[in-house]
């Protein structure tokens, strides 16, 4: 086994690669509850609320604040009796925007879509890669090696293994999460 080839080296290389692609990077303990610059209130929170609110305002400048807050609440409190239905709705919103209604100045009701991402100009989005991201829910502690966020929303989880470890498997990585 190569002593220089360890999981932490792969993690650092992953963060460096993502930084080269334009991602900001952060060490989760620093931006988690109790850290130097917390971006979430609880370890059970998986969304960075201020990043999401800032993106909603930036990407939807013509939509009133109340409608943006409605979209924020829909995204952050999304639930359905079925995980399939929840994932389907969330995917629809990621691609097409979150449907909202609001009153125009003439007091007529307007329906609109609040965009979560700018697919036309990616530089308008906030890309963040966080390493050692811990989620604690129902007494279970899970720590992913790297979580990729776009506009405060977690979109990818990267679980790394030591490439020099013959016993490291994708099944083991899956079970760790």
C-alpha atoms as a PDB file:
ATOM      1  CA  UNK A   1       0.000   0.000   0.000  1.00  0.00           C
ATOM      2  CA  UNK A   2       1.285   3.466  -0.929  1.00  0.00           C
ATOM      3  CA  UNK A   3       1.548   5.480   2.345  1.00  0.00           C
ATOM      4  CA  UNK A   4       1.098   8.793   0.496  1.00  0.00           C
ATOM      5  CA  UNK A   5      -2.115   7.673  -1.184  1.00  0.00           C
ATOM      6  CA  UNK A   6      -4.723   8.141   1.541  1.00  0.00           C
ATOM      7  CA  UNK A   7      -8.356   9.211   1.543  1.00  0.00           C
ATOM      8  CA  UNK A   8      -7.581  12.725   2.819  1.00  0.00           C
ATOM      9  CA  UNK A   9      -5.279  13.256  -0.188  1.00  0.00           C
ATOM     10  CA  UNK A  10      -8.093  12.259  -2.535  1.00  0.00           C
ATOM     11  CA  UNK A  11     -10.465  14.595  -0.682  1.00  0.00           C
ATOM     12  CA  UNK A  12      -8.070  17.520  -1.028  1.00  0.00           C
ATOM     13  CA  UNK A  13      -7.542  16.746  -4.719  1.00  0.00           C
ATOM     14  CA  UNK A  14     -11.326  16.678  -5.207  1.00  0.00           C
ATOM     15  CA  UNK A  15     -11.694  20.093  -3.568  1.00  0.00           C
ATOM     16  CA  UNK A  16      -8.826  21.485  -5.639  1.00  0.00           C
ATOM     17  CA  UNK A  17     -10.428  20.192  -8.828  1.00  0.00           C
ATOM     18  CA  UNK A  18     -13.801  21.705  -7.913  1.00  0.00           C
ATOM     19  CA  UNK A  19     -12.076  25.011  -7.066  1.00  0.00           C
ATOM     20  CA  UNK A  20     -10.471  24.984 -10.535  1.00  0.00           C
ATOM     21  CA  UNK A  21     -13.997  24.632 -11.950  1.00  0.00           C
ATOM     22  CA  UNK A  22     -15.059  27.785 -10.094  1.00  0.00           C
ATOM     23  CA  UNK A  23     -16.476  26.376  -6.870  1.00  0.00           C
ATOM     24  CA  UNK A  24     -15.862  28.054  -3.551  1.00  0.00           C
ATOM     25  CA  UNK A  25     -14.772  25.528  -0.950  1.00  0.00           C
ATOM     26  CA  UNK A  26     -15.399  25.309   2.777  1.00  0.00           C
ATOM     27  CA  UNK A  27     -14.556  23.012   5.658  1.00  0.00           C
ATOM     28  CA  UNK A  28     -17.920  22.003   7.149  1.00  0.00           C
ATOM     29  CA  UNK A  29     -17.012  22.398  10.849  1.00  0.00           C
ATOM     30  CA  UNK A  30     -16.263  26.080  10.195  1.00  0.00           C
ATOM     31  CA  UNK A  31     -19.674  26.785   8.607  1.00  0.00           C
ATOM     32  CA  UNK A  32     -21.729  24.397  10.762  1.00  0.00           C
ATOM     33  CA  UNK A  33     -23.506  25.173  14.050  1.00  0.00           C
ATOM     34  CA  UNK A  34     -20.884  26.118  16.619  1.00  0.00           C
ATOM     35  CA  UNK A  35     -18.320  26.927  13.922  1.00  0.00           C
ATOM     36  CA  UNK A  36     -16.563  30.221  13.274  1.00  0.00           C
ATOM     37  CA  UNK A  37     -19.001  31.254  10.473  1.00  0.00           C
ATOM     38  CA  UNK A  38     -22.143  29.091  10.730  1.00  0.00           C
ATOM     39  CA  UNK A  39     -24.366  28.944   7.655  1.00  0.00           C
ATOM     40  CA  UNK A  40     -26.999  26.636   9.100  1.00  0.00           C
ATOM     41  CA  UNK A  41     -28.730  26.577  12.449  1.00  0.00           C
ATOM     42  CA  UNK A  42     -28.814  22.840  13.160  1.00  0.00           C
ATOM     43  CA  UNK A  43     -26.831  19.809  12.029  1.00  0.00           C
ATOM     44  CA  UNK A  44     -30.096  18.403  10.657  1.00  0.00           C
ATOM     45  CA  UNK A  45     -30.350  21.297   8.178  1.00  0.00           C
ATOM     46  CA  UNK A  46     -29.073  20.387   4.719  1.00  0.00           C
ATOM     47  CA  UNK A  47     -29.798  23.694   2.970  1.00  0.00           C
ATOM     48  CA  UNK A  48     -27.853  26.916   3.417  1.00  0.00           C
ATOM     49  CA  UNK A  49     -30.794  29.319   3.822  1.00  0.00           C
ATOM     50  CA  UNK A  50     -29.046  32.642   3.227  1.00  0.00           C
ATOM     51  CA  UNK A  51     -27.329  31.370   0.094  1.00  0.00           C
ATOM     52  CA  UNK A  52     -30.693  30.163  -1.223  1.00  0.00           C
ATOM     53  CA  UNK A  53     -32.483  33.429  -0.359  1.00  0.00           C
ATOM     54  CA  UNK A  54     -29.704  35.468  -1.984  1.00  0.00           C
ATOM     55  CA  UNK A  55     -29.902  33.348  -5.137  1.00  0.00           C
ATOM     56  CA  UNK A  56     -33.691  33.652  -5.321  1.00  0.00           C
ATOM     57  CA  UNK A  57     -33.414  37.460  -5.123  1.00  0.00           C
ATOM     58  CA  UNK A  58     -30.548  37.624  -7.603  1.00  0.00           C
ATOM     59  CA  UNK A  59     -32.149  35.302 -10.168  1.00  0.00           C
ATOM     60  CA  UNK A  60     -35.699  36.673  -9.884  1.00  0.00           C
ATOM     61  CA  UNK A  61     -35.361  40.460  -9.576  1.00  0.00           C
ATOM     62  CA  UNK A  62     -38.880  41.187 -10.877  1.00  0.00           C
ATOM     63  CA  UNK A  63     -40.689  38.933  -8.412  1.00  0.00           C
ATOM     64  CA  UNK A  64     -41.854  40.502  -5.123  1.00  0.00           C
ATOM     65  CA  UNK A  65     -40.105  39.548  -1.880  1.00  0.00           C
ATOM     66  CA  UNK A  66     -43.242  37.839  -0.500  1.00  0.00           C
ATOM     67  CA  UNK A  67     -43.411  35.509  -3.516  1.00  0.00           C
ATOM     68  CA  UNK A  68     -39.693  34.745  -3.186  1.00  0.00           C
ATOM     69  CA  UNK A  69     -40.256  33.838   0.464  1.00  0.00           C
ATOM     70  CA  UNK A  70     -43.175  31.610  -0.579  1.00  0.00           C
ATOM     71  CA  UNK A  71     -40.846  29.804  -3.005  1.00  0.00           C
ATOM     72  CA  UNK A  72     -38.192  29.507  -0.286  1.00  0.00           C
ATOM     73  CA  UNK A  73     -40.699  27.942   2.114  1.00  0.00           C
ATOM     74  CA  UNK A  74     -41.964  25.531  -0.532  1.00  0.00           C
ATOM     75  CA  UNK A  75     -38.442  24.327  -1.281  1.00  0.00           C
ATOM     76  CA  UNK A  76     -37.307  24.064   2.334  1.00  0.00           C
ATOM     77  CA  UNK A  77     -40.489  22.433   3.639  1.00  0.00           C
ATOM     78  CA  UNK A  78     -41.234  20.133   0.748  1.00  0.00           C
ATOM     79  CA  UNK A  79     -42.910  16.959   1.897  1.00  0.00           C
ATOM     80  CA  UNK A  80     -45.289  14.425   0.515  1.00  0.00           C
ATOM     81  CA  UNK A  81     -46.558  11.039   1.688  1.00  0.00           C
ATOM     82  CA  UNK A  82     -44.295   9.474  -0.924  1.00  0.00           C
ATOM     83  CA  UNK A  83     -40.548   9.971  -1.350  1.00  0.00           C
ATOM     84  CA  UNK A  84     -41.073   9.470  -5.095  1.00  0.00           C
ATOM     85  CA  UNK A  85     -43.611  12.308  -5.247  1.00  0.00           C
ATOM     86  CA  UNK A  86     -41.391  14.580  -3.160  1.00  0.00           C
ATOM     87  CA  UNK A  87     -38.379  13.929  -5.403  1.00  0.00           C
ATOM     88  CA  UNK A  88     -40.505  14.379  -8.532  1.00  0.00           C
ATOM     89  CA  UNK A  89     -41.825  17.760  -7.340  1.00  0.00           C
ATOM     90  CA  UNK A  90     -38.367  18.939  -6.287  1.00  0.00           C
ATOM     91  CA  UNK A  91     -36.869  17.918  -9.637  1.00  0.00           C
ATOM     92  CA  UNK A  92     -39.632  19.782 -11.459  1.00  0.00           C
ATOM     93  CA  UNK A  93     -38.870  22.920  -9.437  1.00  0.00           C
ATOM     94  CA  UNK A  94     -35.124  22.582 -10.080  1.00  0.00           C
ATOM     95  CA  UNK A  95     -35.719  22.452 -13.817  1.00  0.00           C
ATOM     96  CA  UNK A  96     -38.744  24.726 -14.274  1.00  0.00           C
ATOM     97  CA  UNK A  97     -38.891  26.957 -11.212  1.00  0.00           C
ATOM     98  CA  UNK A  98     -41.183  27.061  -8.195  1.00  0.00           C
ATOM     99  CA  UNK A  99     -44.754  28.174  -8.975  1.00  0.00           C
ATOM    100  CA  UNK A 100     -45.921  31.221  -7.001  1.00  0.00           C
ATOM    101  CA  UNK A 101     -48.763  33.716  -7.115  1.00  0.00           C
ATOM    102  CA  UNK A 102     -48.711  37.353  -6.083  1.00  0.00           C
ATOM    103  CA  UNK A 103     -50.671  40.557  -6.524  1.00  0.00           C
ATOM    104  CA  UNK A 104     -49.585  43.039  -9.154  1.00  0.00           C
ATOM    105  CA  UNK A 105     -49.837  46.760  -8.475  1.00  0.00           C
ATOM    106  CA  UNK A 106     -53.289  46.811 -10.118  1.00  0.00           C
ATOM    107  CA  UNK A 107     -54.363  44.125  -7.555  1.00  0.00           C
ATOM    108  CA  UNK A 108     -54.728  41.384 -10.171  1.00  0.00           C
ATOM    109  CA  UNK A 109     -53.218  38.009  -9.374  1.00  0.00           C
ATOM    110  CA  UNK A 110     -50.110  36.972 -11.282  1.00  0.00           C
ATOM    111  CA  UNK A 111     -48.751  33.447 -11.538  1.00  0.00           C
ATOM    112  CA  UNK A 112     -45.031  33.052 -12.058  1.00  0.00           C
ATOM    113  CA  UNK A 113     -42.099  30.663 -11.679  1.00  0.00           C
ATOM    114  CA  UNK A 114     -39.262  31.428  -9.258  1.00  0.00           C
ATOM    115  CA  UNK A 115     -36.017  30.156 -10.748  1.00  0.00           C
ATOM    116  CA  UNK A 116     -33.691  28.225  -8.435  1.00  0.00           C
ATOM    117  CA  UNK A 117     -30.801  28.208 -10.947  1.00  0.00           C
ATOM    118  CA  UNK A 118     -29.662  30.238 -13.904  1.00  0.00           C
ATOM    119  CA  UNK A 119     -29.184  27.647 -16.636  1.00  0.00           C
ATOM    120  CA  UNK A 120     -28.315  30.284 -19.244  1.00  0.00           C
ATOM    121  CA  UNK A 121     -25.486  32.001 -17.365  1.00  0.00           C
ATOM    122  CA  UNK A 122     -23.881  29.695 -14.815  1.00  0.00           C
ATOM    123  CA  UNK A 123     -21.805  32.544 -13.348  1.00  0.00           C
ATOM    124  CA  UNK A 124     -25.031  33.854 -11.775  1.00  0.00           C
ATOM    125  CA  UNK A 125     -25.129  30.763  -9.547  1.00  0.00           C
ATOM    126  CA  UNK A 126     -23.340  30.212  -6.237  1.00  0.00           C
ATOM    127  CA  UNK A 127     -21.232  27.019  -6.390  1.00  0.00           C
ATOM    128  CA  UNK A 128     -19.879  25.621  -3.129  1.00  0.00           C
ATOM    129  CA  UNK A 129     -18.091  22.364  -2.267  1.00  0.00           C
ATOM    130  CA  UNK A 130     -18.039  21.494   1.428  1.00  0.00           C
ATOM    131  CA  UNK A 131     -15.884  18.750   2.888  1.00  0.00           C
ATOM    132  CA  UNK A 132     -16.674  16.732   6.020  1.00  0.00           C
ATOM    133  CA  UNK A 133     -20.347  17.780   5.941  1.00  0.00           C
ATOM    134  CA  UNK A 134     -22.159  16.283   8.933  1.00  0.00           C
ATOM    135  CA  UNK A 135     -25.895  15.696   9.153  1.00  0.00           C
ATOM    136  CA  UNK A 136     -27.419  14.539  12.430  1.00  0.00           C
ATOM    137  CA  UNK A 137     -31.004  13.388  12.245  1.00  0.00           C
ATOM    138  CA  UNK A 138     -32.995  11.080  14.518  1.00  0.00           C
ATOM    139  CA  UNK A 139     -29.845  10.382  16.530  1.00  0.00           C
ATOM    140  CA  UNK A 140     -27.922   9.227  13.451  1.00  0.00           C
ATOM    141  CA  UNK A 141     -24.709  10.983  12.528  1.00  0.00           C
ATOM    142  CA  UNK A 142     -23.636  10.924   8.864  1.00  0.00           C
ATOM    143  CA  UNK A 143     -20.568  12.678   7.506  1.00  0.00           C
ATOM    144  CA  UNK A 144     -20.036  12.932   3.770  1.00  0.00           C
ATOM    145  CA  UNK A 145     -16.564  13.592   2.436  1.00  0.00           C
ATOM    146  CA  UNK A 146     -17.730  16.298  -0.012  1.00  0.00           C
ATOM    147  CA  UNK A 147     -21.165  17.788  -0.659  1.00  0.00           C
ATOM    148  CA  UNK A 148     -21.707  19.999  -3.693  1.00  0.00           C
ATOM    149  CA  UNK A 149     -24.137  22.895  -3.260  1.00  0.00           C
ATOM    150  CA  UNK A 150     -25.576  25.171  -5.916  1.00  0.00           C
ATOM    151  CA  UNK A 151     -27.346  28.269  -4.605  1.00  0.00           C
ATOM    152  CA  UNK A 152     -27.433  26.750  -1.130  1.00  0.00           C
ATOM    153  CA  UNK A 153     -29.081  23.502  -2.263  1.00  0.00           C
ATOM    154  CA  UNK A 154     -27.202  20.198  -1.912  1.00  0.00           C
ATOM    155  CA  UNK A 155     -27.077  18.537  -5.315  1.00  0.00           C
ATOM    156  CA  UNK A 156     -24.340  15.922  -5.052  1.00  0.00           C
ATOM    157  CA  UNK A 157     -22.723  13.845  -2.334  1.00  0.00           C
ATOM    158  CA  UNK A 158     -19.227  12.502  -2.917  1.00  0.00           C
ATOM    159  CA  UNK A 159     -18.051   9.706  -0.652  1.00  0.00           C
ATOM    160  CA  UNK A 160     -14.385   8.939  -1.177  1.00  0.00           C
ATOM    161  CA  UNK A 161     -12.388   5.887  -0.268  1.00  0.00           C
ATOM    162  CA  UNK A 162      -8.683   5.294   0.031  1.00  0.00           C
ATOM    163  CA  UNK A 163      -7.632   4.063  -3.429  1.00  0.00           C
ATOM    164  CA  UNK A 164      -4.766   2.143  -1.848  1.00  0.00           C
ATOM    165  CA  UNK A 165      -7.103   0.134   0.387  1.00  0.00           C
ATOM    166  CA  UNK A 166      -7.929  -3.212  -1.230  1.00  0.00           C
ATOM    167  CA  UNK A 167     -10.950  -3.564   1.072  1.00  0.00           C
ATOM    168  CA  UNK A 168     -12.558  -0.235   0.101  1.00  0.00           C
ATOM    169  CA  UNK A 169     -15.732  -0.831  -1.910  1.00  0.00           C
ATOM    170  CA  UNK A 170     -18.616   1.192  -3.283  1.00  0.00           C
ATOM    171  CA  UNK A 171     -20.885  -0.902  -1.068  1.00  0.00           C
ATOM    172  CA  UNK A 172     -18.900   0.205   1.981  1.00  0.00           C
ATOM    173  CA  UNK A 173     -19.086   3.850   0.886  1.00  0.00           C
ATOM    174  CA  UNK A 174     -22.848   3.551   0.389  1.00  0.00           C
ATOM    175  CA  UNK A 175     -23.339   1.990   3.820  1.00  0.00           C
ATOM    176  CA  UNK A 176     -21.217   4.698   5.427  1.00  0.00           C
ATOM    177  CA  UNK A 177     -23.671   7.305   4.208  1.00  0.00           C
END
